[in-house]
């Protein structure tokens, strides 16, 4: 490291993108386990993103894809991943570099990553839990924990249950 400081932001950036690579690599080899599925939002203006022109026209800045029930040809590399997804009965191949990803969410286990960049500031990553959401609404992204107001819990009195009532 040539600077006087350890660049933790850059190291976190690399680690979180590596986590996405590892997860997608496992899915490419073994399929999606259990109820796992992913919502991935990415920058469609990124120079290395590859997608059909009609998709780029429809999503000129960013796009969210879902890897869940039907996907094909998932190939994972060190720089990004390619996958074929179904858009209204039209299978379309996509290539998404990890650097183009804004959010990676697995709502089945309330896990999410969000990558932000703010102009001249260094990129920061946030690892957060996400709240469950309605998967039928494919236009809405999963809210991250920092965007959701916490619910107040009301304290409850302890209840004592006798096991004798359940014995025969």
Protein backbone atom coordinates (compact mmCIF):
# COMPACT_ATOMS: atom_id res chain seq x y z
CA UNK A 1 0.00 0.00 0.00
CA UNK A 2 1.60 3.18 -1.16
CA UNK A 3 -0.49 5.69 0.80
CA UNK A 4 -0.30 6.59 4.48
CA UNK A 5 -3.72 5.06 5.15
CA UNK A 6 -5.33 1.67 4.66
CA UNK A 7 -8.13 2.09 2.12
CA UNK A 8 -10.84 0.17 3.97
CA UNK A 9 -13.52 1.33 1.55
CA UNK A 10 -11.69 -0.17 -1.41
CA UNK A 11 -11.01 -3.39 0.51
CA UNK A 12 -14.69 -3.69 1.49
CA UNK A 13 -15.67 -2.99 -2.10
CA UNK A 14 -13.53 -5.89 -3.29
CA UNK A 15 -14.74 -8.22 -0.51
CA UNK A 16 -18.44 -7.60 -1.12
CA UNK A 17 -18.12 -8.09 -4.88
CA UNK A 18 -16.16 -11.28 -4.18
CA UNK A 19 -19.04 -12.48 -1.98
CA UNK A 20 -21.46 -11.98 -4.89
CA UNK A 21 -19.08 -13.91 -7.15
CA UNK A 22 -18.89 -16.79 -4.66
CA UNK A 23 -22.68 -16.97 -4.21
CA UNK A 24 -23.37 -16.89 -7.95
CA UNK A 25 -20.60 -19.43 -8.56
CA UNK A 26 -22.27 -21.85 -6.13
CA UNK A 27 -25.63 -21.33 -7.85
CA UNK A 28 -24.04 -21.89 -11.29
CA UNK A 29 -22.64 -25.22 -10.08
CA UNK A 30 -25.46 -26.49 -7.86
CA UNK A 31 -28.60 -24.46 -8.60
CA UNK A 32 -30.54 -22.30 -6.16
CA UNK A 33 -30.94 -23.99 -2.77
CA UNK A 34 -34.27 -23.86 -0.93
CA UNK A 35 -36.17 -20.60 -1.30
CA UNK A 36 -33.13 -18.49 -2.18
CA UNK A 37 -33.48 -16.00 -5.04
CA UNK A 38 -31.79 -12.77 -5.98
CA UNK A 39 -32.81 -9.26 -6.98
CA UNK A 40 -29.85 -7.59 -8.67
CA UNK A 41 -30.00 -3.91 -9.62
CA UNK A 42 -27.28 -2.70 -11.93
CA UNK A 43 -26.14 0.31 -13.96
CA UNK A 44 -27.23 -0.17 -17.59
CA UNK A 45 -24.94 2.69 -18.65
CA UNK A 46 -21.81 0.83 -17.49
CA UNK A 47 -19.59 0.35 -20.56
CA UNK A 48 -19.15 -3.41 -20.00
CA UNK A 49 -22.84 -4.27 -19.45
CA UNK A 50 -24.21 -6.33 -22.34
CA UNK A 51 -27.96 -6.47 -22.92
CA UNK A 52 -30.40 -6.29 -25.81
CA UNK A 53 -30.99 -2.83 -27.27
CA UNK A 54 -34.72 -2.97 -26.45
CA UNK A 55 -33.87 -3.60 -22.78
CA UNK A 56 -31.35 -0.76 -22.75
CA UNK A 57 -34.00 1.53 -24.28
CA UNK A 58 -36.54 0.47 -21.67
CA UNK A 59 -34.05 0.78 -18.78
CA UNK A 60 -31.72 3.63 -19.79
CA UNK A 61 -30.05 4.06 -16.37
CA UNK A 62 -30.62 1.04 -14.16
CA UNK A 63 -32.40 -2.27 -14.20
CA UNK A 64 -33.37 -4.90 -11.62
CA UNK A 65 -33.30 -8.55 -12.62
CA UNK A 66 -34.55 -11.54 -10.67
CA UNK A 67 -32.75 -14.85 -10.59
CA UNK A 68 -35.32 -17.27 -9.26
CA UNK A 69 -37.58 -19.69 -11.16
CA UNK A 70 -36.19 -19.60 -14.68
CA UNK A 71 -32.68 -18.70 -15.65
CA UNK A 72 -30.19 -20.38 -17.93
CA UNK A 73 -26.51 -20.31 -18.87
CA UNK A 74 -25.31 -18.73 -15.62
CA UNK A 75 -21.57 -18.28 -16.04
CA UNK A 76 -19.48 -16.59 -13.37
CA UNK A 77 -16.06 -15.02 -13.97
CA UNK A 78 -13.71 -12.85 -11.91
CA UNK A 79 -15.04 -9.70 -13.59
CA UNK A 80 -18.80 -10.40 -13.76
CA UNK A 81 -21.46 -12.90 -14.71
CA UNK A 82 -23.60 -13.75 -17.69
CA UNK A 83 -27.08 -15.24 -17.53
CA UNK A 84 -30.05 -15.75 -19.82
CA UNK A 85 -33.33 -14.50 -18.33
CA UNK A 86 -36.88 -14.57 -19.59
CA UNK A 87 -38.50 -11.19 -20.34
CA UNK A 88 -42.14 -11.77 -21.26
CA UNK A 89 -41.44 -15.10 -22.99
CA UNK A 90 -38.33 -13.62 -24.64
CA UNK A 91 -35.12 -15.24 -23.39
CA UNK A 92 -32.35 -12.64 -23.41
CA UNK A 93 -28.67 -13.06 -22.54
CA UNK A 94 -27.12 -10.46 -20.20
CA UNK A 95 -23.60 -9.78 -19.03
CA UNK A 96 -23.26 -7.82 -15.78
CA UNK A 97 -19.83 -6.85 -14.43
CA UNK A 98 -19.65 -6.77 -10.63
CA UNK A 99 -18.62 -3.10 -10.82
CA UNK A 100 -22.01 -2.26 -12.38
CA UNK A 101 -24.05 -3.71 -9.47
CA UNK A 102 -25.92 -1.23 -7.25
CA UNK A 103 -27.78 -3.76 -5.07
CA UNK A 104 -27.74 -7.50 -4.49
CA UNK A 105 -30.64 -8.79 -2.38
CA UNK A 106 -31.70 -12.28 -1.27
CA UNK A 107 -35.08 -11.64 0.38
CA UNK A 108 -35.48 -15.30 1.42
CA UNK A 109 -32.91 -14.75 4.18
CA UNK A 110 -33.30 -10.96 4.54
CA UNK A 111 -29.82 -10.24 3.17
CA UNK A 112 -28.80 -7.29 1.05
CA UNK A 113 -25.79 -5.41 -0.22
CA UNK A 114 -25.92 -1.87 -1.54
CA UNK A 115 -23.07 -0.18 -3.33
CA UNK A 116 -23.12 3.61 -3.47
CA UNK A 117 -20.84 6.15 -4.98
CA UNK A 118 -21.15 9.84 -4.38
CA UNK A 119 -19.33 11.97 -6.93
CA UNK A 120 -15.75 12.53 -5.80
CA UNK A 121 -16.23 10.60 -2.57
CA UNK A 122 -14.93 7.07 -2.38
CA UNK A 123 -17.38 4.25 -2.93
CA UNK A 124 -18.96 2.89 0.22
CA UNK A 125 -20.76 -0.39 0.75
CA UNK A 126 -23.44 -1.21 3.24
CA UNK A 127 -24.20 -4.72 4.40
CA UNK A 128 -27.71 -4.72 5.76
CA UNK A 129 -30.60 -6.94 6.52
CA UNK A 130 -33.60 -6.34 4.31
CA UNK A 131 -37.27 -6.48 5.12
CA UNK A 132 -39.41 -9.10 3.35
CA UNK A 133 -41.50 -7.68 0.53
CA UNK A 134 -44.13 -8.71 -1.97
CA UNK A 135 -42.34 -10.65 -4.71
CA UNK A 136 -45.31 -10.26 -7.07
CA UNK A 137 -44.46 -6.58 -7.53
CA UNK A 138 -41.39 -6.94 -9.74
CA UNK A 139 -41.12 -3.18 -10.27
CA UNK A 140 -40.39 -2.53 -6.58
CA UNK A 141 -36.98 -3.16 -5.07
CA UNK A 142 -36.48 -4.71 -1.66
CA UNK A 143 -36.15 -2.02 1.00
CA UNK A 144 -32.87 -2.06 2.89
CA UNK A 145 -32.98 -1.99 6.68
CA UNK A 146 -31.66 1.57 6.87
CA UNK A 147 -34.62 2.74 4.74
CA UNK A 148 -37.26 1.07 6.92
CA UNK A 149 -38.47 2.64 10.14
CA UNK A 150 -38.23 0.20 13.06
CA UNK A 151 -41.48 -0.96 14.62
CA UNK A 152 -41.93 -0.38 18.32
CA UNK A 153 -42.35 -3.58 20.29
CA UNK A 154 -44.82 -3.57 23.13
CA UNK A 155 -43.62 -5.53 26.14
CA UNK A 156 -45.74 -8.55 26.99
CA UNK A 157 -46.17 -10.25 30.33
CA UNK A 158 -44.68 -13.70 30.63
CA UNK A 159 -47.17 -16.51 30.41
CA UNK A 160 -46.63 -19.71 32.38
CA UNK A 161 -48.04 -22.87 30.85
CA UNK A 162 -48.36 -26.05 32.84
CA UNK A 163 -47.25 -29.15 30.97
CA UNK A 164 -49.71 -31.24 33.01
CA UNK A 165 -52.56 -30.09 30.81
CA UNK A 166 -50.85 -31.69 27.76
CA UNK A 167 -50.09 -35.05 29.41
CA UNK A 168 -52.42 -38.03 29.01
